[in-house]
C-alpha cells in the first residue's frame, strides 16, 4: 500500500496569509483594567521540592567583622609579604598576629 504524501506549506515571508493558521486575528493592543484583577488563589499552595540553596552553602560568617582599608606598599614590601602568603591580606594578618 502506498502512502499519500502530504506537502507542508512553509510561508515564504512574514506577510503571507495562511488560511488554516490565521483563523483568528489578534489585535495589536489590548487595554486591560487592572482594577478588576483578582489575586492568584493558588499562589501559596505550591510546594517546591527541588532547587534552592543547599543547607550550609555559601560563605561562612567571619568570627569578627572585617573593615576594608586601602594601603599602599612599595615593591620590596610586597615581595616580603608574598613570601609569607600569596594573599596579601592573610600575610598582613600573619604579621600582626606575630607582633602580639
N, C-alpha and C. Protein backbone atom coordinates (compact mmCIF):
# COMPACT_ATOMS: atom_id res chain seq x y z
N UNK A 1 0.84 -1.17 0.00
CA UNK A 1 0.00 0.00 0.00
C UNK A 1 0.89 1.24 0.00
N UNK A 2 0.57 2.18 -0.81
CA UNK A 2 1.37 3.36 -0.98
C UNK A 2 0.83 4.49 -0.08
N UNK A 3 1.77 5.18 0.60
CA UNK A 3 1.35 6.28 1.47
C UNK A 3 1.17 7.54 0.64
N UNK A 4 0.16 8.29 0.99
CA UNK A 4 -0.07 9.57 0.32
C UNK A 4 0.86 10.61 0.92
N UNK A 5 1.54 11.31 0.10
CA UNK A 5 2.42 12.37 0.58
C UNK A 5 1.62 13.65 0.76
N UNK A 6 1.80 14.23 1.92
CA UNK A 6 1.13 15.50 2.20
C UNK A 6 2.21 16.56 2.22
N UNK A 7 2.08 17.52 1.36
CA UNK A 7 3.07 18.58 1.33
C UNK A 7 2.72 19.63 2.37
N UNK A 8 3.71 19.99 3.15
CA UNK A 8 3.51 21.03 4.16
C UNK A 8 3.98 22.34 3.57
N UNK A 9 3.10 23.32 3.60
CA UNK A 9 3.42 24.62 3.02
C UNK A 9 4.14 25.45 4.07
N UNK A 10 5.32 25.90 3.76
CA UNK A 10 6.09 26.78 4.63
C UNK A 10 5.94 28.19 4.08
N UNK A 11 5.51 29.14 4.94
CA UNK A 11 5.34 30.50 4.44
C UNK A 11 6.67 31.09 4.00
N UNK A 12 6.63 31.81 2.90
CA UNK A 12 7.86 32.36 2.35
C UNK A 12 8.25 33.68 2.99
N UNK A 13 7.32 34.37 3.62
CA UNK A 13 7.65 35.65 4.21
C UNK A 13 6.72 35.98 5.35
N UNK A 14 7.02 37.04 6.09
CA UNK A 14 6.21 37.38 7.26
C UNK A 14 4.81 37.88 6.90
N UNK A 15 4.59 38.36 5.70
CA UNK A 15 3.29 38.90 5.35
C UNK A 15 2.36 37.92 4.67
N UNK A 16 2.80 36.69 4.44
CA UNK A 16 1.99 35.73 3.71
C UNK A 16 0.85 35.21 4.59
N UNK A 17 -0.34 35.16 4.05
CA UNK A 17 -1.53 34.72 4.77
C UNK A 17 -1.76 33.23 4.54
N UNK A 18 -1.91 32.48 5.63
CA UNK A 18 -2.23 31.06 5.55
C UNK A 18 -3.57 30.87 6.22
N UNK A 19 -4.56 30.45 5.46
CA UNK A 19 -5.94 30.40 5.95
C UNK A 19 -6.09 29.47 7.15
N UNK A 20 -5.41 28.31 7.15
CA UNK A 20 -5.58 27.36 8.25
C UNK A 20 -5.01 27.90 9.57
N UNK A 21 -3.97 28.67 9.48
CA UNK A 21 -3.33 29.18 10.69
C UNK A 21 -3.91 30.51 11.14
N UNK A 22 -4.40 31.29 10.22
CA UNK A 22 -4.90 32.62 10.56
C UNK A 22 -6.41 32.64 10.66
N UNK A 23 -6.98 31.68 11.40
CA UNK A 23 -8.44 31.66 11.57
C UNK A 23 -8.90 32.78 12.49
N UNK A 24 -8.04 33.27 13.32
CA UNK A 24 -8.42 34.37 14.22
C UNK A 24 -7.33 35.43 14.11
N UNK A 25 -7.69 36.60 14.43
CA UNK A 25 -6.74 37.71 14.38
C UNK A 25 -6.62 38.31 15.78
N UNK A 26 -5.41 38.60 16.18
CA UNK A 26 -5.16 39.27 17.45
C UNK A 26 -5.02 40.76 17.20
N UNK A 27 -5.59 41.54 18.10
CA UNK A 27 -5.44 42.99 17.99
C UNK A 27 -4.00 43.34 18.37
N UNK A 28 -3.48 44.43 17.85
CA UNK A 28 -2.12 44.81 18.22
C UNK A 28 -1.99 45.27 19.67
N UNK A 29 -3.09 45.72 20.28
CA UNK A 29 -3.02 46.21 21.67
C UNK A 29 -4.35 45.95 22.36
N UNK A 30 -4.29 45.52 23.60
CA UNK A 30 -5.49 45.31 24.41
C UNK A 30 -5.37 46.19 25.65
N UNK A 31 -6.42 46.96 25.94
CA UNK A 31 -6.44 47.76 27.16
C UNK A 31 -7.04 46.90 28.27
N UNK A 32 -6.26 46.64 29.31
CA UNK A 32 -6.71 45.81 30.42
C UNK A 32 -7.02 46.70 31.61
N UNK A 33 -8.10 46.37 32.30
CA UNK A 33 -8.49 47.10 33.50
C UNK A 33 -7.97 46.31 34.70
N UNK A 34 -6.83 46.74 35.26
CA UNK A 34 -6.19 46.02 36.36
C UNK A 34 -6.96 46.16 37.67
N UNK A 35 -7.90 47.10 37.75
CA UNK A 35 -8.69 47.22 38.98
C UNK A 35 -9.63 46.03 39.14
N UNK A 36 -9.93 45.33 38.06
CA UNK A 36 -10.80 44.16 38.12
C UNK A 36 -10.02 42.86 38.33
N UNK A 37 -8.69 42.95 38.40
CA UNK A 37 -7.86 41.76 38.56
C UNK A 37 -8.02 41.18 39.96
N UNK A 38 -7.92 39.85 40.07
CA UNK A 38 -8.02 39.16 41.35
C UNK A 38 -6.67 38.53 41.68
N UNK A 39 -6.36 38.41 42.97
CA UNK A 39 -5.10 37.76 43.33
C UNK A 39 -5.13 36.27 42.98
N UNK A 40 -3.97 35.70 42.77
CA UNK A 40 -3.87 34.28 42.43
C UNK A 40 -4.14 33.45 43.68
N UNK A 41 -5.24 32.73 43.71
CA UNK A 41 -5.60 31.97 44.90
C UNK A 41 -4.80 30.68 45.03
N UNK A 42 -4.05 30.30 44.02
CA UNK A 42 -3.24 29.09 44.08
C UNK A 42 -1.77 29.38 44.39
N UNK A 43 -1.42 30.64 44.59
CA UNK A 43 -0.02 31.01 44.71
C UNK A 43 0.65 30.38 45.92
N UNK A 44 0.02 30.28 47.05
CA UNK A 44 0.65 29.75 48.25
C UNK A 44 0.62 28.24 48.36
N UNK A 45 -0.07 27.56 47.48
CA UNK A 45 -0.25 26.11 47.60
C UNK A 45 0.88 25.29 47.03
N UNK A 46 1.69 25.86 46.19
CA UNK A 46 2.74 25.10 45.52
C UNK A 46 3.89 24.87 46.48
N UNK A 47 4.34 23.63 46.62
CA UNK A 47 5.49 23.29 47.45
C UNK A 47 6.61 22.85 46.52
N UNK A 48 7.70 23.59 46.51
CA UNK A 48 8.82 23.26 45.65
C UNK A 48 9.69 22.23 46.36
N UNK A 49 9.91 21.10 45.72
CA UNK A 49 10.70 20.04 46.32
C UNK A 49 12.12 20.02 45.79
N UNK A 50 12.39 20.67 44.69
CA UNK A 50 13.72 20.69 44.10
C UNK A 50 14.20 22.12 43.95
N UNK A 51 15.49 22.29 43.93
CA UNK A 51 16.06 23.61 43.71
C UNK A 51 16.28 24.35 45.00
N UNK A 52 16.81 25.53 44.88
CA UNK A 52 17.09 26.35 46.05
C UNK A 52 18.49 26.09 46.59
N UNK A 53 18.83 26.79 47.64
CA UNK A 53 20.17 26.67 48.21
C UNK A 53 20.29 25.43 49.07
N UNK A 54 21.45 24.81 49.02
CA UNK A 54 21.75 23.67 49.87
C UNK A 54 21.91 24.13 51.30
N UNK A 55 21.53 23.34 52.28
CA UNK A 55 21.79 23.73 53.67
C UNK A 55 23.30 23.81 53.90
N UNK A 56 23.75 24.88 54.52
CA UNK A 56 25.18 25.05 54.79
C UNK A 56 25.96 25.64 53.65
N UNK A 57 25.30 25.96 52.53
CA UNK A 57 26.02 26.50 51.38
C UNK A 57 26.28 27.99 51.58
N UNK A 58 27.27 28.49 50.91
CA UNK A 58 27.56 29.92 50.95
C UNK A 58 28.75 30.23 51.83
N UNK A 59 29.11 31.49 51.85
CA UNK A 59 30.26 31.93 52.63
C UNK A 59 29.91 31.92 54.11
N UNK A 60 30.81 31.37 54.89
CA UNK A 60 30.61 31.31 56.34
C UNK A 60 30.85 32.70 56.94
N UNK A 61 30.10 33.06 57.97
CA UNK A 61 30.31 34.38 58.58
C UNK A 61 31.67 34.46 59.28
N UNK A 62 32.28 35.63 59.24
CA UNK A 62 33.58 35.83 59.86
C UNK A 62 33.43 35.81 61.37
N UNK A 63 34.49 35.39 62.07
CA UNK A 63 34.43 35.35 63.53
C UNK A 63 34.32 36.75 64.10
N UNK A 64 35.02 37.71 63.49
CA UNK A 64 34.86 39.10 63.89
C UNK A 64 34.74 39.94 62.63
N UNK A 65 34.02 41.06 62.70
CA UNK A 65 33.81 41.86 61.49
C UNK A 65 35.12 42.41 60.94
N UNK A 66 35.20 42.48 59.62
CA UNK A 66 36.40 42.96 58.94
C UNK A 66 36.09 44.30 58.30
N UNK A 67 37.00 45.25 58.49
CA UNK A 67 36.85 46.56 57.85
C UNK A 67 37.73 46.62 56.63
N UNK A 68 37.30 47.33 55.62
CA UNK A 68 38.07 47.47 54.38
C UNK A 68 38.83 48.79 54.41
N UNK A 69 40.16 48.70 54.16
CA UNK A 69 41.01 49.88 54.09
C UNK A 69 41.92 49.75 52.89
N UNK A 70 42.40 50.88 52.40
CA UNK A 70 43.31 50.87 51.26
C UNK A 70 44.71 51.25 51.76
N UNK A 71 45.68 50.38 51.46
CA UNK A 71 47.05 50.60 51.91
C UNK A 71 47.97 50.47 50.70
N UNK A 72 48.98 51.32 50.63
CA UNK A 72 49.95 51.26 49.53
C UNK A 72 51.28 50.75 50.06
N UNK A 73 51.91 49.86 49.29
CA UNK A 73 53.21 49.31 49.66
C UNK A 73 54.19 49.49 48.50
N UNK A 74 55.47 49.54 48.84
CA UNK A 74 56.49 49.54 47.79
C UNK A 74 56.71 48.10 47.34
N UNK A 75 57.39 47.93 46.21
CA UNK A 75 57.59 46.60 45.64
C UNK A 75 58.39 45.67 46.58
N UNK A 76 59.44 46.14 47.25
CA UNK A 76 60.14 45.24 48.17
C UNK A 76 59.26 44.76 49.33
N UNK A 77 58.38 45.64 49.81
CA UNK A 77 57.47 45.25 50.89
C UNK A 77 56.47 44.20 50.40
N UNK A 78 55.97 44.38 49.19
CA UNK A 78 55.02 43.41 48.63
C UNK A 78 55.71 42.06 48.44
N UNK A 79 56.97 42.10 48.00
CA UNK A 79 57.73 40.86 47.81
C UNK A 79 57.89 40.12 49.14
N UNK A 80 58.16 40.87 50.20
CA UNK A 80 58.29 40.29 51.54
C UNK A 80 56.96 39.68 52.00
N UNK A 81 55.86 40.40 51.76
CA UNK A 81 54.54 39.90 52.17
C UNK A 81 54.15 38.66 51.36
N UNK A 82 54.48 38.65 50.07
CA UNK A 82 54.15 37.48 49.23
C UNK A 82 54.93 36.25 49.68
N UNK A 83 56.12 36.46 50.29
CA UNK A 83 56.89 35.33 50.82
C UNK A 83 56.15 34.70 52.00
N UNK A 84 55.43 35.52 52.76
CA UNK A 84 54.64 34.98 53.88
C UNK A 84 53.40 34.25 53.40
N UNK A 85 52.69 34.88 52.44
CA UNK A 85 51.46 34.28 51.90
C UNK A 85 51.15 34.97 50.58
N UNK A 86 50.63 34.20 49.62
CA UNK A 86 50.27 34.77 48.32
C UNK A 86 49.14 35.80 48.47
N UNK A 87 48.24 35.57 49.41
CA UNK A 87 47.15 36.50 49.69
C UNK A 87 47.70 37.60 50.59
N UNK A 88 47.75 38.82 50.08
CA UNK A 88 48.35 39.92 50.85
C UNK A 88 47.60 40.19 52.15
N UNK A 89 46.30 40.07 52.15
CA UNK A 89 45.54 40.30 53.37
C UNK A 89 45.92 39.28 54.44
N UNK A 90 46.05 38.03 54.04
CA UNK A 90 46.44 37.00 55.01
C UNK A 90 47.86 37.23 55.51
N UNK A 91 48.75 37.68 54.62
CA UNK A 91 50.13 37.95 55.02
C UNK A 91 50.19 39.07 56.05
N UNK A 92 49.41 40.11 55.85
CA UNK A 92 49.37 41.23 56.81
C UNK A 92 48.81 40.75 58.13
N UNK A 93 47.78 39.93 58.09
CA UNK A 93 47.21 39.39 59.34
C UNK A 93 48.24 38.53 60.08
N UNK A 94 49.02 37.73 59.35
CA UNK A 94 50.07 36.92 59.98
C UNK A 94 51.11 37.80 60.67
N UNK A 95 51.50 38.91 60.01
CA UNK A 95 52.45 39.84 60.62
C UNK A 95 51.89 40.45 61.89
N UNK A 96 50.64 40.84 61.86
CA UNK A 96 50.01 41.46 63.03
C UNK A 96 49.95 40.46 64.18
N UNK A 97 49.56 39.21 63.86
CA UNK A 97 49.46 38.18 64.90
C UNK A 97 50.84 37.86 65.50
N UNK A 98 51.89 37.93 64.67
CA UNK A 98 53.23 37.62 65.19
C UNK A 98 53.75 38.71 66.14
N UNK A 99 53.23 39.94 66.01
CA UNK A 99 53.68 41.02 66.90
C UNK A 99 52.90 41.07 68.20
N UNK A 100 51.83 40.35 68.31
CA UNK A 100 51.01 40.37 69.54
C UNK A 100 51.66 39.59 70.64
